[in-house]
Protein backbone atom coordinates (compact mmCIF):
# COMPACT_ATOMS: atom_id res chain seq x y z
CA MET A 1 0.00 0.00 0.00
CA GLY A 2 2.95 2.30 0.72
CA GLU A 3 2.12 5.99 0.51
CA VAL A 4 -1.15 5.70 -1.41
CA TYR A 5 -4.15 6.94 0.54
CA GLU A 6 -7.83 6.60 -0.21
CA ARG A 7 -10.33 9.32 0.62
CA THR A 8 -13.92 9.30 -0.55
CA GLY A 9 -16.10 12.10 -1.88
CA GLY A 10 -19.43 13.41 -0.60
CA LYS A 11 -22.14 11.37 1.07
CA GLU A 12 -24.13 9.02 -1.09
CA GLY A 13 -27.43 10.49 -2.16
CA GLY A 14 -26.68 13.91 -0.63
CA SER A 15 -25.90 17.31 -2.04
CA GLY A 16 -22.26 17.08 -0.98
CA LYS A 17 -22.58 20.25 1.12
CA ARG A 18 -22.83 21.14 4.78
CA GLN A 19 -23.80 24.37 6.44
CA ALA A 20 -20.73 25.94 8.06
CA ALA A 21 -20.77 28.00 11.21
CA GLY A 22 -22.12 31.48 10.55
CA GLY A 23 -24.50 30.26 7.87
CA ARG A 24 -21.91 29.79 5.10
CA GLU A 25 -22.34 26.75 2.86
CA GLU A 26 -19.23 24.76 2.03
CA ALA A 27 -18.88 22.86 -1.24
CA ALA A 28 -17.57 19.36 -0.80
CA SER A 29 -15.21 19.63 -3.73
CA GLY A 30 -12.14 19.13 -1.56
CA LYS A 31 -10.73 22.54 -2.60
CA ARG A 32 -8.90 24.14 0.29
CA GLN A 33 -9.62 27.66 1.48
CA ALA A 34 -6.90 30.31 1.70
CA PRO A 35 -5.49 30.20 5.23
CA ARG A 36 -5.75 33.24 7.49
CA TRP A 37 -2.04 32.77 8.28
CA ARG A 38 -0.04 34.26 5.42
CA ARG A 39 3.51 35.09 4.47
CA SER A 40 4.63 38.57 5.42
CA GLY A 41 4.60 39.75 1.84
CA GLY A 42 7.02 40.32 -0.99
CA ARG A 43 7.30 40.84 -4.72
CA PRO A 44 7.52 38.10 -7.32
CA SER A 45 11.14 37.20 -7.89
CA ALA A 46 13.30 34.56 -9.48
CA VAL A 47 14.35 33.78 -5.91
CA TRP A 48 11.07 32.87 -4.27
CA TRP A 49 12.22 33.48 -0.69
CA GLN A 50 12.72 37.26 -0.98
CA THR A 51 10.38 39.15 1.39
CA VAL A 52 9.71 42.67 2.61
CA LEU A 53 9.19 42.56 6.37
CA VAL A 54 9.31 40.23 9.35
CA LEU A 55 6.37 39.58 11.68
CA VAL A 56 7.43 39.10 15.29
CA ASP A 57 5.91 36.41 17.50
CA HIS A 58 6.10 35.92 21.25
CA TYR A 59 7.02 32.42 22.41
CA LEU A 60 5.34 31.50 25.68
CA THR A 61 7.56 30.73 28.64
CA PRO A 62 7.08 27.07 29.68
CA GLY A 63 5.10 27.11 32.90
CA PRO A 64 1.72 26.51 34.53
CA LEU A 65 -1.48 27.70 32.90
CA SER A 66 -1.97 30.28 35.65
CA GLY A 67 0.78 32.40 34.13
CA VAL A 68 -0.38 32.34 30.51
CA ALA A 69 -3.04 35.07 30.68
CA GLY A 70 -0.74 37.76 32.02
CA GLU A 71 2.07 36.84 29.64
CA VAL A 72 -0.24 36.98 26.62
CA ARG A 73 -1.68 40.35 27.63
CA ARG A 74 1.87 41.74 27.88
CA ALA A 75 2.72 40.34 24.46
CA ARG A 76 -0.30 42.03 22.94
CA ARG A 77 0.54 45.33 24.63
CA LEU A 78 4.10 45.19 23.29
CA GLY A 79 2.88 44.74 19.72
CA PHE A 80 3.70 41.10 18.99
CA ARG A 81 1.79 39.76 15.98
CA GLY A 82 1.32 36.24 17.31
CA VAL A 83 1.87 33.90 20.23
CA MET A 84 3.54 30.51 19.90
CA ALA A 85 3.51 27.63 22.39
CA ALA A 86 6.04 24.80 22.42
CA GLU A 87 5.40 21.31 23.71
CA THR A 88 7.99 20.86 26.44
CA SER A 89 6.85 20.50 30.06
CA HIS A 90 3.23 21.59 29.46
CA ASP A 91 0.46 21.03 26.91
CA PRO A 92 0.62 23.73 24.20
CA PHE A 93 -3.03 23.42 23.17
CA LEU A 94 -4.32 24.25 26.65
CA ALA A 95 -2.02 27.29 26.82
CA LEU A 96 -3.26 28.54 23.45
CA ALA A 97 -6.90 28.12 24.49
CA VAL A 98 -6.18 30.48 27.38
CA ALA A 99 -4.33 32.84 25.04
CA ALA A 100 -7.22 32.94 22.60
CA ARG A 101 -9.60 34.18 25.28
CA GLU A 102 -7.17 36.70 26.75
CA ALA A 103 -5.96 38.30 23.52
CA PRO A 104 -8.50 37.99 20.71
CA GLY A 105 -7.02 39.05 17.41
CA LEU A 106 -3.55 37.64 17.98
CA GLU A 107 -2.47 34.78 15.74
CA LEU A 108 -1.69 31.62 17.69
CA GLY A 109 0.31 28.52 16.90
CA THR A 110 2.03 25.45 18.25
CA ALA A 111 5.80 25.61 17.79
CA VAL A 112 5.73 22.73 17.81
CA ALA A 113 3.43 19.95 18.98
CA VAL A 114 4.78 16.41 18.82
CA ALA A 115 2.85 14.66 16.08
CA PHE A 116 3.94 11.10 16.78
CA ALA A 117 2.92 11.34 20.43
CA ARG A 118 -0.73 11.43 19.31
CA SER A 119 -3.27 9.89 17.00
CA PRO A 120 -4.17 12.15 14.07
CA MET A 121 -7.77 12.00 15.37
CA THR A 122 -7.03 13.50 18.79
CA LEU A 123 -4.82 16.15 17.25
CA ALA A 124 -7.46 16.93 14.62
CA HIS A 125 -9.97 17.69 17.39
CA SER A 126 -7.59 20.01 19.25
CA ALA A 127 -6.67 21.95 16.11
CA TRP A 128 -10.30 22.15 14.92
CA ASP A 129 -11.48 23.62 18.21
CA LEU A 130 -8.68 26.21 18.27
CA ALA A 131 -9.31 27.16 14.64
CA ALA A 132 -12.94 27.84 15.53
CA LEU A 133 -12.10 29.67 18.77
CA THR A 134 -9.56 31.96 17.05
CA GLU A 135 -11.72 32.53 13.95
CA GLY A 136 -9.05 31.09 11.68
CA ARG A 137 -6.00 32.57 13.41
CA PHE A 138 -4.52 29.23 14.47
CA LEU A 139 -1.49 27.55 12.90
CA LEU A 140 -0.83 23.91 13.68
CA GLY A 141 2.92 23.43 13.96
CA LEU A 142 4.06 19.81 14.07
CA GLY A 143 7.36 18.08 14.69
CA THR A 144 8.40 14.45 14.80
CA GLN A 145 10.76 14.52 17.83
CA ILE A 146 13.38 11.76 17.86
CA ARG A 147 13.04 8.05 18.44
CA PRO A 148 14.17 7.91 22.11
CA HIS A 149 11.45 10.37 23.12
CA ILE A 150 8.67 8.83 21.04
CA VAL A 151 9.41 5.32 22.26
CA GLY A 152 10.73 5.97 25.76
CA ARG A 153 8.81 9.08 26.87
CA PHE A 154 5.53 8.68 24.99
CA SER A 155 5.46 4.87 24.56
CA MET A 156 4.40 5.26 20.92
CA PRO A 157 5.62 3.45 17.80
CA TRP A 158 8.45 4.85 15.71
CA SER A 159 9.15 4.40 12.02
CA ALA A 160 10.81 6.38 9.23
CA PRO A 161 9.68 9.92 10.10
CA VAL A 162 9.22 11.48 6.66
CA PRO A 163 6.73 8.97 5.19
CA ARG A 164 4.97 8.69 8.54
CA LEU A 165 4.56 12.47 8.85
CA ARG A 166 3.41 12.74 5.23
CA GLU A 167 0.68 10.23 5.99
CA PHE A 168 -0.11 11.92 9.32
CA VAL A 169 -0.82 15.25 7.57
CA ALA A 170 -2.91 13.53 4.91
CA ALA A 171 -4.95 11.81 7.64
CA LEU A 172 -5.54 15.14 9.42
CA ARG A 173 -6.85 16.75 6.26
CA SER A 174 -9.04 13.75 5.52
CA ILE A 175 -10.60 13.96 8.99
CA TRP A 176 -11.17 17.71 8.66
CA ALA A 177 -12.75 17.24 5.24
CA ALA A 178 -15.15 14.67 6.68
CA TRP A 179 -16.23 17.10 9.40
CA GLN A 180 -16.50 20.08 7.09
CA HIS A 181 -18.22 18.48 4.10
CA GLY A 182 -20.07 15.52 5.58
CA GLU A 183 -17.92 13.05 3.68
CA PRO A 184 -17.67 9.47 4.92
CA LEU A 185 -14.38 9.03 6.73
CA ARG A 186 -12.39 6.47 4.79
CA PHE A 187 -8.68 6.96 5.11
CA ARG A 188 -6.33 4.03 4.55
CA GLY A 189 -2.58 4.33 4.78
CA GLU A 190 0.35 2.25 5.88
CA HIS A 191 0.41 3.68 9.41
CA PHE A 192 -3.10 5.07 9.97
CA ARG A 193 -6.59 3.89 9.09
CA PHE A 194 -9.79 5.80 9.84
CA SER A 195 -13.20 4.45 8.86
CA LEU A 196 -15.64 5.44 11.61
CA MET A 197 -17.17 8.85 12.32
CA THR A 198 -20.69 8.85 13.71
CA PRO A 199 -22.68 12.09 14.24
CA PHE A 200 -22.19 11.94 18.01
CA PHE A 201 -18.41 12.35 17.62
CA ASP A 202 -18.47 14.71 14.61
CA PRO A 203 -17.91 18.35 15.68
CA GLY A 204 -19.35 19.59 12.39
CA PRO A 205 -18.21 22.35 10.06
CA ILE A 206 -16.55 25.62 11.06
CA GLU A 207 -16.15 28.90 9.25
CA HIS A 208 -12.36 28.75 8.82
CA ALA A 209 -11.84 25.11 8.03
CA ASP A 210 -8.54 25.23 6.18
CA VAL A 211 -6.26 24.78 9.18
CA PRO A 212 -2.69 25.56 8.04
CA VAL A 213 -0.07 22.98 8.97
CA ALA A 214 3.58 23.94 9.40
CA LEU A 215 6.26 21.28 9.81
CA ALA A 216 9.52 21.47 11.74
CA ALA A 217 12.34 20.55 9.39
CA VAL A 218 16.14 20.49 9.40
CA GLY A 219 17.25 17.65 7.15
CA ARG A 220 16.90 17.58 3.38
CA ALA A 221 14.14 14.96 3.17
CA MET A 222 11.95 16.72 5.75
CA CYS A 223 12.45 20.06 3.97
CA ARG A 224 11.26 18.45 0.74
CA LEU A 225 8.20 17.20 2.61
CA VAL A 226 7.47 20.77 3.71
CA GLY A 227 7.45 21.87 0.08
CA GLU A 228 5.28 18.89 -0.82
CA VAL A 229 2.52 19.17 1.81
CA GLY A 230 3.24 21.99 4.29
CA ASP A 231 1.72 25.43 4.64
CA GLY A 232 4.78 26.52 6.58
CA ILE A 233 8.14 25.46 7.96
CA HIS A 234 9.33 25.82 11.52
CA ILE A 235 13.04 26.57 11.25
CA HIS A 236 15.08 25.40 14.22
CA PRO A 237 17.07 28.09 16.08
CA LEU A 238 20.24 26.18 15.18
CA HIS A 239 20.43 27.56 11.65
CA THR A 240 22.50 29.90 9.52
CA ARG A 241 21.85 31.86 6.33
CA ARG A 242 24.21 29.54 4.48
CA TYR A 243 22.26 26.47 5.56
CA LEU A 244 18.88 28.04 4.76
CA GLU A 245 19.88 29.27 1.31
CA GLY A 246 22.02 26.28 0.41
CA VAL A 247 19.93 23.43 1.80
CA VAL A 248 16.53 24.27 3.29
CA PHE A 249 15.04 26.52 0.63
CA PRO A 250 16.24 24.57 -2.43
CA GLU A 251 14.81 21.36 -0.94
CA ILE A 252 11.47 23.10 -0.32
CA VAL A 253 11.45 24.10 -3.99
CA LYS A 254 12.07 20.47 -4.99
CA GLY A 255 9.23 19.23 -2.80
CA ALA A 256 6.85 21.85 -4.10
CA ALA A 257 7.66 20.89 -7.69
CA ARG A 258 6.86 17.27 -6.85
CA SER A 259 3.32 18.28 -5.82
CA GLY A 260 2.84 21.06 -8.39
CA ARG A 261 2.74 23.67 -5.62
CA ASP A 262 4.08 27.21 -5.42
CA PRO A 263 6.96 27.23 -2.90
CA ALA A 264 6.08 30.85 -2.08
CA ALA A 265 2.99 29.49 -0.30
CA VAL A 266 5.25 28.14 2.45
CA THR A 267 5.48 30.52 5.43
CA ARG A 268 8.93 30.50 7.02
CA ILE A 269 8.72 30.63 10.82
CA ALA A 270 11.91 30.77 12.83
CA THR A 271 13.44 31.44 16.21
CA LEU A 272 16.79 33.21 16.29
CA PHE A 273 19.45 33.30 18.98
CA ALA A 274 20.14 36.88 20.13
CA VAL A 275 23.01 38.14 22.26
CA THR A 276 22.79 41.64 23.69
CA GLY A 277 23.55 43.66 26.81
CA ARG A 278 24.14 47.20 28.03
CA ASP A 279 27.77 46.61 29.00
CA GLU A 280 30.56 44.07 28.54
CA SER A 281 29.52 42.02 31.55
CA ALA A 282 25.90 41.78 30.39
CA MET A 283 26.97 40.88 26.86
CA LYS A 284 29.15 38.07 28.22
CA GLN A 285 26.31 36.72 30.37
CA SER A 286 23.99 36.72 27.37
CA ALA A 287 26.63 35.12 25.14
CA ASP A 288 27.37 32.38 27.66
CA GLY A 289 23.66 31.51 27.85
CA VAL A 290 23.33 31.31 24.08
CA LYS A 291 26.49 29.21 23.80
CA ARG A 292 24.99 26.69 26.23
CA ARG A 293 21.86 26.44 24.09
CA ILE A 294 23.87 26.07 20.90
CA ALA A 295 26.00 23.34 22.45
CA PHE A 296 22.95 21.43 23.61
CA TYR A 297 21.31 21.48 20.17
CA ALA A 298 24.57 20.83 18.32
CA SER A 299 25.06 17.63 20.33
CA THR A 300 22.03 16.11 18.55
CA PRO A 301 23.07 14.11 15.46
CA ALA A 302 19.90 15.17 13.61
CA TYR A 303 21.24 18.73 13.47
CA ARG A 304 24.72 17.77 12.29
CA GLY A 305 24.06 19.03 8.76
CA VAL A 306 24.10 22.65 9.95
CA LEU A 307 27.54 22.14 11.49
CA ASP A 308 28.82 20.31 8.41
CA ALA A 309 27.79 23.20 6.15
CA HIS A 310 30.38 25.34 7.95
CA GLY A 311 33.03 22.72 8.62
CA TRP A 312 32.48 22.84 12.39
CA GLU A 313 33.81 19.52 13.70
CA VAL A 314 32.39 19.68 17.22
CA GLY A 315 29.23 17.60 16.89
CA GLU A 316 30.66 14.21 17.81
CA ALA A 317 32.58 15.65 20.76
CA LEU A 318 29.44 17.34 22.08
CA THR A 319 27.44 14.13 21.73
CA ALA A 320 30.11 12.25 23.67
CA MET A 321 30.01 14.88 26.41
CA THR A 322 26.26 14.42 26.85
CA LYS A 323 26.78 10.70 27.35
CA ARG A 324 29.36 11.43 30.04
CA GLY A 325 27.07 13.98 31.68
CA GLU A 326 29.49 16.85 31.06
CA TRP A 327 26.73 19.39 30.46
CA ASP A 328 28.48 22.33 32.10
CA GLN A 329 31.59 21.96 29.93
CA MET A 330 29.85 21.72 26.54
CA ALA A 331 29.62 25.47 25.90
CA SER A 332 33.42 25.71 25.90
CA LEU A 333 33.42 24.08 22.43
CA ILE A 334 31.36 26.91 20.94
CA ASP A 335 33.81 29.60 19.88
CA ASP A 336 33.03 33.24 19.08
CA GLU A 337 33.02 32.60 15.33
CA MET A 338 30.31 29.97 15.70
CA LEU A 339 28.37 32.27 18.02
CA ALA A 340 28.45 35.17 15.56
CA THR A 341 27.28 32.91 12.72
CA LEU A 342 24.49 31.15 14.60
CA ALA A 343 23.27 34.18 16.58
CA VAL A 344 22.77 37.91 16.21
CA VAL A 345 25.23 39.74 18.47
CA ALA A 346 24.62 43.47 19.02
CA PRO A 347 24.00 46.04 21.75
CA PRO A 348 20.33 46.96 22.38
CA GLU A 349 20.45 50.07 20.19
CA GLY A 350 21.77 48.09 17.22
CA LEU A 351 19.81 44.87 17.71
CA ALA A 352 16.91 45.60 15.36
CA ARG A 353 19.24 46.50 12.50
CA ALA A 354 21.36 43.39 13.07
CA ILE A 355 18.28 41.15 13.10
CA ARG A 356 16.94 42.74 9.92
CA GLU A 357 20.25 42.17 8.14
CA ARG A 358 20.37 38.56 9.30
CA CYS A 359 16.74 37.74 8.40
CA ALA A 360 16.36 39.76 5.19
CA GLY A 361 14.91 37.50 2.53
CA THR A 362 14.92 34.36 4.66
CA ILE A 363 12.32 34.64 7.45
CA ASP A 364 8.64 35.62 7.45
CA ARG A 365 7.82 35.20 11.15
CA LEU A 366 10.40 35.49 13.90
CA GLY A 367 10.81 34.73 17.58
CA LEU A 368 13.93 35.62 19.56
CA VAL A 369 15.86 33.38 21.97
CA PHE A 370 18.01 35.33 24.44
CA GLY A 371 20.81 33.90 26.52
CA ALA A 372 19.98 35.34 29.93
CA GLY A 373 16.31 36.22 29.45
CA ASP A 374 16.48 39.67 31.06
CA GLU A 375 18.71 41.49 28.56
CA LEU A 376 15.97 43.95 27.56
CA THR A 377 13.43 45.84 29.63
CA GLU A 378 9.77 45.53 28.70
CA ASP A 379 9.87 48.94 27.03
CA GLU A 380 12.96 47.99 25.05
CA ARG A 381 11.25 44.82 23.85
CA GLY A 382 8.28 46.87 22.68
CA VAL A 383 10.57 49.22 20.74
CA LEU A 384 12.38 46.25 19.19
CA VAL A 385 9.12 44.65 18.07
CA GLU A 386 7.97 47.96 16.56
CA GLU A 387 11.24 48.47 14.68
CA LEU A 388 11.26 44.93 13.32
CA SER A 389 7.62 45.15 12.21
CA ARG A 390 8.15 48.38 10.29
CA ALA A 391 8.16 47.86 6.52
């Protein structure tokens, strides 16, 4: 059966239409609506990834739900365009439900949720409810995680991630189509099969049914999958311009060509390491924090391609240090040249310009990862967001 999926058309003997929320009738043709989440803009070019401005998102601090409301209200006051929630020590969907009620109008997304820790059905329900609650301002960001976590932490099966994720996304869209158009649910793949959806468990149609799906990708094959089926790509903070322009974007173009899609439809969402401080001591504290993060990520073999693109031969040594538990010593392998290439390094007054120069033509939506966390005051963050959002 491989990667061939079966999905049926409208209900037998029916009109093939369902009434969507708000009184709008949806044709069951299978044609997808234009997502509310869009790229930041740009002019047609021979290089598809050229853009005009960057939209700035706030990434929620991992913590209990009791802290989400206040954090989201601050993000809205400071001018952030969207709020992202990662799946680390807390459930991102619950946090975004709180965010949706506290800051209507902000765009919300998972960055990212672990796909293989769930059934496509349970994830389809969570995304559907948030799409309705936000009136189409929800972006479902998905990642695969790595085998030790899927098997050991989630007790779920693991297989080759690219074909499994391709089928996962197809299953999601099949489920959503069944809810929106009243189609019988008949999805058959190698990993997932869905054939039962009774009215009691069917949430029914919503007004903004085309839930955009962005995929986390680093390696070549996963980047091609983004071009093939994704509405966006979540770019890992461990990235460089050279790796984006030499590997990530060309592979997205290849994947898009495979599916007859326009690669410009892929929204590029990224987090970027930032080092800043008001004096030499503060800059060093920020740099040390970012170096620790870089060392942690660079120890993961899945991210080795970024290091290889620059000839940085530290990956194996960092991996060995994790196995010996030498976490505190790992940052010593990240030199200043690596730091300046993987992060933006600038004083507060020059940070916006440095970020613009780094992201020009490569990023549509941006979140910042600081080393110490308190480098900028709240007012300075608001000014930074305003400067970055200015066309």
